[in-house]
PDB file of N, CA and C in Angstrom:
ATOM      1  N   MET A   1     -95.178  26.804  21.755  1.00  0.00           N
ATOM      2  CA  MET A   1     -95.559  26.442  20.408  1.00  0.00           C
ATOM      3  C   MET A   1     -95.817  27.692  19.583  1.00  0.00           C
ATOM      4  N   GLY A   2     -95.035  28.749  19.805  1.00  0.00           N
ATOM      5  CA  GLY A   2     -95.253  30.007  19.131  1.00  0.00           C
ATOM      6  C   GLY A   2     -94.660  30.051  17.738  1.00  0.00           C
ATOM      7  N   ILE A   3     -93.472  29.469  17.563  1.00  0.00           N
ATOM      8  CA  ILE A   3     -92.805  29.567  16.266  1.00  0.00           C
ATOM      9  C   ILE A   3     -92.307  28.190  15.854  1.00  0.00           C
ATOM     10  N   ARG A   4     -92.572  27.837  14.614  1.00  0.00           N
ATOM     11  CA  ARG A   4     -92.063  26.587  14.044  1.00  0.00           C
ATOM     12  C   ARG A   4     -90.985  26.923  13.035  1.00  0.00           C
ATOM     13  N   THR A   5     -90.115  25.998  12.764  1.00  0.00           N
ATOM     14  CA  THR A   5     -89.108  26.233  11.736  1.00  0.00           C
ATOM     15  C   THR A   5     -89.553  25.581  10.444  1.00  0.00           C
ATOM     16  N   GLN A   6     -89.088  26.146   9.354  1.00  0.00           N
ATOM     17  CA  GLN A   6     -89.439  25.611   8.050  1.00  0.00           C
ATOM     18  C   GLN A   6     -88.636  24.344   7.805  1.00  0.00           C
ATOM     19  N   PRO A   7     -89.161  23.396   7.039  1.00  0.00           N
ATOM     20  CA  PRO A   7     -88.463  22.126   6.841  1.00  0.00           C
ATOM     21  C   PRO A   7     -87.137  22.260   6.111  1.00  0.00           C
ATOM     22  N   TRP A   8     -86.921  23.326   5.336  1.00  0.00           N
ATOM     23  CA  TRP A   8     -85.702  23.435   4.550  1.00  0.00           C
ATOM     24  C   TRP A   8     -84.663  24.330   5.192  1.00  0.00           C
ATOM     25  N   GLY A   9     -84.932  24.902   6.355  1.00  0.00           N
ATOM     26  CA  GLY A   9     -83.934  25.772   6.951  1.00  0.00           C
ATOM     27  C   GLY A   9     -84.280  26.149   8.370  1.00  0.00           C
ATOM     28  N   ASP A  10     -83.557  27.129   8.878  1.00  0.00           N
ATOM     29  CA  ASP A  10     -83.723  27.534  10.263  1.00  0.00           C
ATOM     30  C   ASP A  10     -84.615  28.751  10.422  1.00  0.00           C
ATOM     31  N   ALA A  11     -85.099  29.322   9.331  1.00  0.00           N
ATOM     32  CA  ALA A  11     -85.938  30.514   9.431  1.00  0.00           C
ATOM     33  C   ALA A  11     -87.283  30.152  10.049  1.00  0.00           C
ATOM     34  N   PRO A  12     -87.718  30.918  11.038  1.00  0.00           N
ATOM     35  CA  PRO A  12     -88.995  30.588  11.694  1.00  0.00           C
ATOM     36  C   PRO A  12     -90.186  30.893  10.804  1.00  0.00           C
ATOM     37  N   MET A  13     -91.242  30.133  10.996  1.00  0.00           N
ATOM     38  CA  MET A  13     -92.489  30.335  10.277  1.00  0.00           C
ATOM     39  C   MET A  13     -93.554  30.678  11.315  1.00  0.00           C
ATOM     40  N   PRO A  14     -94.214  31.834  11.186  1.00  0.00           N
ATOM     41  CA  PRO A  14     -95.242  32.198  12.166  1.00  0.00           C
ATOM     42  C   PRO A  14     -96.333  31.136  12.237  1.00  0.00           C
ATOM     43  N   ASP A  15     -96.876  30.955  13.441  1.00  0.00           N
ATOM     44  CA  ASP A  15     -97.892  29.926  13.653  1.00  0.00           C
ATOM     45  C   ASP A  15     -99.106  30.111  12.757  1.00  0.00           C
ATOM     46  N   GLY A  16     -99.543  31.354  12.557  1.00  0.00           N
ATOM     47  CA  GLY A  16    -100.718  31.601  11.730  1.00  0.00           C
ATOM     48  C   GLY A  16    -100.526  31.098  10.315  1.00  0.00           C
ATOM     49  N   GLU A  17     -99.348  31.364   9.758  1.00  0.00           N
ATOM     50  CA  GLU A  17     -99.070  30.911   8.391  1.00  0.00           C
ATOM     51  C   GLU A  17     -98.991  29.391   8.337  1.00  0.00           C
ATOM     52  N   GLN A  18     -98.377  28.785   9.363  1.00  0.00           N
ATOM     53  CA  GLN A  18     -98.272  27.323   9.390  1.00  0.00           C
ATOM     54  C   GLN A  18     -99.653  26.694   9.506  1.00  0.00           C
ATOM     55  N   GLN A  19    -100.500  27.241  10.367  1.00  0.00           N
ATOM     56  CA  GLN A  19    -101.839  26.691  10.530  1.00  0.00           C
ATOM     57  C   GLN A  19    -102.635  26.832   9.244  1.00  0.00           C
ATOM     58  N   GLU A  20    -102.458  27.963   8.566  1.00  0.00           N
ATOM     59  CA  GLU A  20    -103.164  28.177   7.295  1.00  0.00           C
ATOM     60  C   GLU A  20    -102.728  27.136   6.267  1.00  0.00           C
ATOM     61  N   ARG A  21    -101.431  26.850   6.215  1.00  0.00           N
ATOM     62  CA  ARG A  21    -100.937  25.847   5.274  1.00  0.00           C
ATOM     63  C   ARG A  21    -101.399  24.451   5.662  1.00  0.00           C
ATOM     64  N   ASP A  22    -101.470  24.183   6.976  1.00  0.00           N
ATOM     65  CA  ASP A  22    -101.927  22.870   7.427  1.00  0.00           C
ATOM     66  C   ASP A  22    -103.384  22.636   7.067  1.00  0.00           C
ATOM     67  N   GLN A  23    -104.179  23.699   7.080  1.00  0.00           N
ATOM     68  CA  GLN A  23    -105.601  23.562   6.798  1.00  0.00           C
ATOM     69  C   GLN A  23    -105.869  23.339   5.315  1.00  0.00           C
ATOM     70  N   GLN A  24    -104.979  23.822   4.460  1.00  0.00           N
ATOM     71  CA  GLN A  24    -105.175  23.655   3.024  1.00  0.00           C
ATOM     72  C   GLN A  24    -104.892  22.210   2.645  1.00  0.00           C
ATOM     73  N   GLU A  25    -105.772  21.651   1.849  1.00  0.00           N
ATOM     74  CA  GLU A  25    -105.564  20.291   1.363  1.00  0.00           C
ATOM     75  C   GLU A  25    -104.615  20.372   0.172  1.00  0.00           C
ATOM     76  N   PRO A  26    -103.554  19.552   0.125  1.00  0.00           N
ATOM     77  CA  PRO A  26    -102.584  19.667  -0.963  1.00  0.00           C
ATOM     78  C   PRO A  26    -103.176  19.441  -2.348  1.00  0.00           C
ATOM     79  N   HIS A  27    -104.110  18.520  -2.457  1.00  0.00           N
ATOM     80  CA  HIS A  27    -104.743  18.260  -3.748  1.00  0.00           C
ATOM     81  C   HIS A  27    -106.204  18.637  -3.624  1.00  0.00           C
ATOM     82  N   ASP A  28    -106.525  19.816  -4.122  1.00  0.00           N
ATOM     83  CA  ASP A  28    -107.886  20.319  -4.001  1.00  0.00           C
ATOM     84  C   ASP A  28    -108.810  19.524  -4.912  1.00  0.00           C
ATOM     85  N   THR A  29    -109.730  18.782  -4.320  1.00  0.00           N
ATOM     86  CA  THR A  29    -110.658  17.981  -5.108  1.00  0.00           C
ATOM     87  C   THR A  29    -112.027  18.621  -5.162  1.00  0.00           C
ATOM     88  N   HIS A  30    -112.164  19.815  -4.622  1.00  0.00           N
ATOM     89  CA  HIS A  30    -113.453  20.491  -4.624  1.00  0.00           C
ATOM     90  C   HIS A  30    -113.849  20.843  -6.055  1.00  0.00           C
ATOM     91  N   GLY A  31    -115.012  20.417  -6.466  1.00  0.00           N
ATOM     92  CA  GLY A  31    -115.493  20.744  -7.800  1.00  0.00           C
ATOM     93  C   GLY A  31    -114.976  19.817  -8.887  1.00  0.00           C
ATOM     94  N   ARG A  32    -114.218  18.812  -8.536  1.00  0.00           N
ATOM     95  CA  ARG A  32    -113.707  17.878  -9.543  1.00  0.00           C
ATOM     96  C   ARG A  32    -114.777  16.879  -9.933  1.00  0.00           C
ATOM     97  N   ARG A  33    -114.720  16.429 -11.157  1.00  0.00           N
ATOM     98  CA  ARG A  33    -115.656  15.413 -11.629  1.00  0.00           C
ATOM     99  C   ARG A  33    -115.087  14.034 -11.318  1.00  0.00           C
ATOM    100  N   ASP A  34    -115.975  13.073 -11.096  1.00  0.00           N
ATOM    101  CA  ASP A  34    -115.531  11.717 -10.793  1.00  0.00           C
ATOM    102  C   ASP A  34    -115.065  10.980 -12.041  1.00  0.00           C
ATOM    103  N   THR A  35    -115.607  11.338 -13.178  1.00  0.00           N
ATOM    104  CA  THR A  35    -115.228  10.645 -14.406  1.00  0.00           C
ATOM    105  C   THR A  35    -114.130  11.418 -15.111  1.00  0.00           C
ATOM    106  N   LEU A  36    -113.199  10.692 -15.704  1.00  0.00           N
ATOM    107  CA  LEU A  36    -112.083  11.334 -16.379  1.00  0.00           C
ATOM    108  C   LEU A  36    -112.452  11.813 -17.777  1.00  0.00           C
ATOM    109  N   ASP A  37    -113.468  11.209 -18.402  1.00  0.00           N
ATOM    110  CA  ASP A  37    -113.792  11.569 -19.775  1.00  0.00           C
ATOM    111  C   ASP A  37    -114.751  12.756 -19.864  1.00  0.00           C
ATOM    112  N   ALA A  38    -115.260  13.240 -18.746  1.00  0.00           N
ATOM    113  CA  ALA A  38    -116.178  14.382 -18.777  1.00  0.00           C
ATOM    114  C   ALA A  38    -115.381  15.658 -19.058  1.00  0.00           C
ATOM    115  N   PRO A  39    -115.885  16.520 -19.933  1.00  0.00           N
ATOM    116  CA  PRO A  39    -115.154  17.762 -20.225  1.00  0.00           C
ATOM    117  C   PRO A  39    -115.176  18.689 -19.011  1.00  0.00           C
ATOM    118  N   GLU A  40    -114.037  19.361 -18.776  1.00  0.00           N
ATOM    119  CA  GLU A  40    -113.979  20.264 -17.634  1.00  0.00           C
ATOM    120  C   GLU A  40    -114.619  21.601 -17.993  1.00  0.00           C
ATOM    121  N   THR A  41    -115.167  22.247 -17.009  1.00  0.00           N
ATOM    122  CA  THR A  41    -115.800  23.537 -17.246  1.00  0.00           C
ATOM    123  C   THR A  41    -114.736  24.627 -17.237  1.00  0.00           C
ATOM    124  N   ASP A  42    -115.120  25.799 -17.734  1.00  0.00           N
ATOM    125  CA  ASP A  42    -114.195  26.932 -17.723  1.00  0.00           C
ATOM    126  C   ASP A  42    -113.809  27.302 -16.297  1.00  0.00           C
ATOM    127  N   GLU A  43    -114.761  27.183 -15.379  1.00  0.00           N
ATOM    128  CA  GLU A  43    -114.477  27.523 -13.981  1.00  0.00           C
ATOM    129  C   GLU A  43    -113.410  26.599 -13.391  1.00  0.00           C
ATOM    130  N   GLU A  44    -113.514  25.302 -13.679  1.00  0.00           N
ATOM    131  CA  GLU A  44    -112.517  24.349 -13.179  1.00  0.00           C
ATOM    132  C   GLU A  44    -111.151  24.628 -13.785  1.00  0.00           C
ATOM    133  N   ARG A  45    -111.120  24.932 -15.073  1.00  0.00           N
ATOM    134  CA  ARG A  45    -109.850  25.231 -15.741  1.00  0.00           C
ATOM    135  C   ARG A  45    -109.220  26.489 -15.158  1.00  0.00           C
ATOM    136  N   ARG A  46    -110.038  27.527 -14.945  1.00  0.00           N
ATOM    137  CA  ARG A  46    -109.515  28.765 -14.358  1.00  0.00           C
ATOM    138  C   ARG A  46    -109.009  28.535 -12.936  1.00  0.00           C
ATOM    139  N   ARG A  47    -109.715  27.704 -12.174  1.00  0.00           N
ATOM    140  CA  ARG A  47    -109.287  27.417 -10.800  1.00  0.00           C
ATOM    141  C   ARG A  47    -107.943  26.686 -10.795  1.00  0.00           C
ATOM    142  N   ARG A  48    -107.795  25.694 -11.684  1.00  0.00           N
ATOM    143  CA  ARG A  48    -106.525  24.965 -11.762  1.00  0.00           C
ATOM    144  C   ARG A  48    -105.400  25.877 -12.228  1.00  0.00           C
ATOM    145  N   ARG A  49    -105.698  26.750 -13.190  1.00  0.00           N
ATOM    146  CA  ARG A  49    -104.683  27.672 -13.707  1.00  0.00           C
ATOM    147  C   ARG A  49    -104.250  28.661 -12.631  1.00  0.00           C
ATOM    148  N   ALA A  50    -105.218  29.183 -11.878  1.00  0.00           N
ATOM    149  CA  ALA A  50    -104.893  30.125 -10.803  1.00  0.00           C
ATOM    150  C   ALA A  50    -104.021  29.453  -9.744  1.00  0.00           C
ATOM    151  N   GLN A  51    -104.354  28.215  -9.398  1.00  0.00           N
ATOM    152  CA  GLN A  51    -103.549  27.476  -8.415  1.00  0.00           C
ATOM    153  C   GLN A  51    -102.131  27.262  -8.941  1.00  0.00           C
ATOM    154  N   PHE A  52    -102.018  26.892 -10.211  1.00  0.00           N
ATOM    155  CA  PHE A  52    -100.704  26.679 -10.811  1.00  0.00           C
ATOM    156  C   PHE A  52     -99.884  27.966 -10.792  1.00  0.00           C
ATOM    157  N   LEU A  53    -100.514  29.089 -11.165  1.00  0.00           N
ATOM    158  CA  LEU A  53     -99.784  30.351 -11.202  1.00  0.00           C
ATOM    159  C   LEU A  53     -99.355  30.796  -9.806  1.00  0.00           C
ATOM    160  N   ARG A  54    -100.202  30.536  -8.790  1.00  0.00           N
ATOM    161  CA  ARG A  54     -99.809  30.861  -7.412  1.00  0.00           C
ATOM    162  C   ARG A  54     -98.586  30.052  -6.996  1.00  0.00           C
ATOM    163  N   GLU A  55     -98.592  28.759  -7.296  1.00  0.00           N
ATOM    164  CA  GLU A  55     -97.461  27.910  -6.928  1.00  0.00           C
ATOM    165  C   GLU A  55     -96.207  28.293  -7.704  1.00  0.00           C
ATOM    166  N   LEU A  56     -96.363  28.658  -8.971  1.00  0.00           N
ATOM    167  CA  LEU A  56     -95.225  29.081  -9.780  1.00  0.00           C
ATOM    168  C   LEU A  56     -94.606  30.352  -9.211  1.00  0.00           C
ATOM    169  N   HIS A  57     -95.456  31.318  -8.846  1.00  0.00           N
ATOM    170  CA  HIS A  57     -94.966  32.571  -8.271  1.00  0.00           C
ATOM    171  C   HIS A  57     -94.232  32.309  -6.957  1.00  0.00           C
ATOM    172  N   GLU A  58     -94.779  31.417  -6.136  1.00  0.00           N
ATOM    173  CA  GLU A  58     -94.140  31.079  -4.864  1.00  0.00           C
ATOM    174  C   GLU A  58     -92.780  30.416  -5.098  1.00  0.00           C
ATOM    175  N   ALA A  59     -92.706  29.534  -6.092  1.00  0.00           N
ATOM    176  CA  ALA A  59     -91.442  28.857  -6.392  1.00  0.00           C
ATOM    177  C   ALA A  59     -90.398  29.850  -6.895  1.00  0.00           C
ATOM    178  N   LYS A  60     -90.812  30.799  -7.731  1.00  0.00           N
ATOM    179  CA  LYS A  60     -89.870  31.804  -8.229  1.00  0.00           C
ATOM    180  C   LYS A  60     -89.375  32.691  -7.098  1.00  0.00           C
ATOM    181  N   ALA A  61     -90.271  33.064  -6.183  1.00  0.00           N
ATOM    182  CA  ALA A  61     -89.871  33.892  -5.046  1.00  0.00           C
ATOM    183  C   ALA A  61     -88.880  33.140  -4.161  1.00  0.00           C
ATOM    184  N   LEU A  62     -89.125  31.862  -3.944  1.00  0.00           N
ATOM    185  CA  LEU A  62     -88.204  31.057  -3.142  1.00  0.00           C
ATOM    186  C   LEU A  62     -86.843  30.971  -3.818  1.00  0.00           C
ATOM    187  N   ARG A  63     -86.831  30.746  -5.128  1.00  0.00           N
ATOM    188  CA  ARG A  63     -85.567  30.660  -5.860  1.00  0.00           C
ATOM    189  C   ARG A  63     -84.802  31.977  -5.768  1.00  0.00           C
ATOM    190  N   ASP A  64     -85.514  33.107  -5.878  1.00  0.00           N
ATOM    191  CA  ASP A  64     -84.856  34.407  -5.777  1.00  0.00           C
ATOM    192  C   ASP A  64     -84.262  34.625  -4.389  1.00  0.00           C
ATOM    193  N   ARG A  65     -84.935  34.110  -3.355  1.00  0.00           N
ATOM    194  CA  ARG A  65     -84.412  34.272  -1.991  1.00  0.00           C
ATOM    195  C   ARG A  65     -83.171  33.426  -1.752  1.00  0.00           C
ATOM    196  N   VAL A  66     -83.142  32.222  -2.293  1.00  0.00           N
ATOM    197  CA  VAL A  66     -82.014  31.339  -2.003  1.00  0.00           C
ATOM    198  C   VAL A  66     -80.854  31.522  -2.980  1.00  0.00           C
ATOM    199  N   GLN A  67     -81.071  32.199  -4.104  1.00  0.00           N
ATOM    200  CA  GLN A  67     -80.002  32.456  -5.069  1.00  0.00           C
ATOM    201  C   GLN A  67     -80.009  33.933  -5.457  1.00  0.00           C
ATOM    202  N   PRO A  68     -79.651  34.826  -4.530  1.00  0.00           N
ATOM    203  CA  PRO A  68     -79.766  36.258  -4.824  1.00  0.00           C
ATOM    204  C   PRO A  68     -78.875  36.724  -5.974  1.00  0.00           C
ATOM    205  N   ARG A  69     -77.689  36.126  -6.128  1.00  0.00           N
ATOM    206  CA  ARG A  69     -76.800  36.569  -7.209  1.00  0.00           C
ATOM    207  C   ARG A  69     -77.398  36.234  -8.569  1.00  0.00           C
ATOM    208  N   ARG A  70     -77.937  35.026  -8.696  1.00  0.00           N
ATOM    209  CA  ARG A  70     -78.557  34.619  -9.958  1.00  0.00           C
ATOM    210  C   ARG A  70     -79.792  35.472 -10.251  1.00  0.00           C
ATOM    211  N   ALA A  71     -80.563  35.783  -9.211  1.00  0.00           N
ATOM    212  CA  ALA A  71     -81.757  36.603  -9.396  1.00  0.00           C
ATOM    213  C   ALA A  71     -81.376  38.009  -9.860  1.00  0.00           C
ATOM    214  N   ARG A  72     -80.314  38.563  -9.278  1.00  0.00           N
ATOM    215  CA  ARG A  72     -79.871  39.902  -9.678  1.00  0.00           C
ATOM    216  C   ARG A  72     -79.395  39.883 -11.127  1.00  0.00           C
ATOM    217  N   ALA A  73     -78.652  38.865 -11.512  1.00  0.00           N
ATOM    218  CA  ALA A  73     -78.177  38.763 -12.892  1.00  0.00           C
ATOM    219  C   ALA A  73     -79.354  38.644 -13.857  1.00  0.00           C
ATOM    220  N   ALA A  74     -80.376  37.894 -13.475  1.00  0.00           N
ATOM    221  CA  ALA A  74     -81.560  37.761 -14.333  1.00  0.00           C
ATOM    222  C   ALA A  74     -82.281  39.096 -14.473  1.00  0.00           C
ATOM    223  N   ARG A  75     -82.373  39.856 -13.370  1.00  0.00           N
ATOM    224  CA  ARG A  75     -83.003  41.186 -13.452  1.00  0.00           C
ATOM    225  C   ARG A  75     -82.208  42.109 -14.361  1.00  0.00           C
ATOM    226  N   MET A  76     -80.887  42.042 -14.286  1.00  0.00           N
ATOM    227  CA  MET A  76     -80.047  42.891 -15.135  1.00  0.00           C
ATOM    228  C   MET A  76     -80.208  42.516 -16.615  1.00  0.00           C
ATOM    229  N   ARG A  77     -80.259  41.212 -16.908  1.00  0.00           N
ATOM    230  CA  ARG A  77     -80.476  40.792 -18.302  1.00  0.00           C
ATOM    231  C   ARG A  77     -81.830  41.263 -18.813  1.00  0.00           C
ATOM    232  N   GLN A  78     -82.859  41.147 -17.976  1.00  0.00           N
ATOM    233  CA  GLN A  78     -84.191  41.598 -18.381  1.00  0.00           C
ATOM    234  C   GLN A  78     -84.194  43.108 -18.625  1.00  0.00           C
ATOM    235  N   ALA A  79     -83.522  43.863 -17.764  1.00  0.00           N
ATOM    236  CA  ALA A  79     -83.445  45.312 -17.945  1.00  0.00           C
ATOM    237  C   ALA A  79     -82.729  45.651 -19.251  1.00  0.00           C
ATOM    238  N   MET A  80     -81.674  44.918 -19.572  1.00  0.00           N
ATOM    239  CA  MET A  80     -80.956  45.158 -20.829  1.00  0.00           C
ATOM    240  C   MET A  80     -81.851  44.839 -22.025  1.00  0.00           C
ATOM    241  N   ARG A  81     -82.606  43.755 -21.942  1.00  0.00           N
ATOM    242  CA  ARG A  81     -83.533  43.436 -23.035  1.00  0.00           C
ATOM    243  C   ARG A  81     -84.559  44.547 -23.212  1.00  0.00           C
ATOM    244  N   MET A  82     -85.057  45.076 -22.121  1.00  0.00           N
ATOM    245  CA  MET A  82     -86.070  46.129 -22.214  1.00  0.00           C
ATOM    246  C   MET A  82     -85.477  47.412 -22.788  1.00  0.00           C
ATOM    247  N   ARG A  83     -84.216  47.710 -22.450  1.00  0.00           N
ATOM    248  CA  ARG A  83     -83.590  48.927 -22.983  1.00  0.00           C
ATOM    249  C   ARG A  83     -83.338  48.817 -24.476  1.00  0.00           C
ATOM    250  N   THR A  84     -83.037  47.627 -24.965  1.00  0.00           N
ATOM    251  CA  THR A  84     -82.702  47.482 -26.382  1.00  0.00           C
ATOM    252  C   THR A  84     -83.920  47.182 -27.245  1.00  0.00           C
ATOM    253  N   PHE A  85     -85.081  47.022 -26.624  1.00  0.00           N
ATOM    254  CA  PHE A  85     -86.298  46.734 -27.386  1.00  0.00           C
ATOM    255  C   PHE A  85     -86.775  47.998 -28.090  1.00  0.00           C
ATOM    256  N   ARG A  86     -87.132  47.869 -29.356  1.00  0.00           N
ATOM    257  CA  ARG A  86     -87.640  49.027 -30.106  1.00  0.00           C
ATOM    258  C   ARG A  86     -89.129  48.884 -30.322  1.00  0.00           C
ATOM    259  N   TRP A  87     -89.852  49.958 -30.109  1.00  0.00           N
ATOM    260  CA  TRP A  87     -91.308  49.954 -30.291  1.00  0.00           C
ATOM    261  C   TRP A  87     -91.599  50.078 -31.723  1.00  0.00           C
TER     262      TRP A  87
END
């Protein structure tokens, strides 16, 4: 039981990383209010935003790994935009 495979491919996933993901609850309800009409605190908003940004970064990294040609083209376009930008 040393190495598991990822659900979308044959690449192995180390046990430590898999166990860490298994321990995380997919929908973090820690600190959530029971009522929907109660205003959320800044801390709750920041926590949700941080979680969203982590997932977004992970999704972009996955897309770059599975579509290297598209990722390279996007980097080249961004570099061209930066070269033509005037301060």
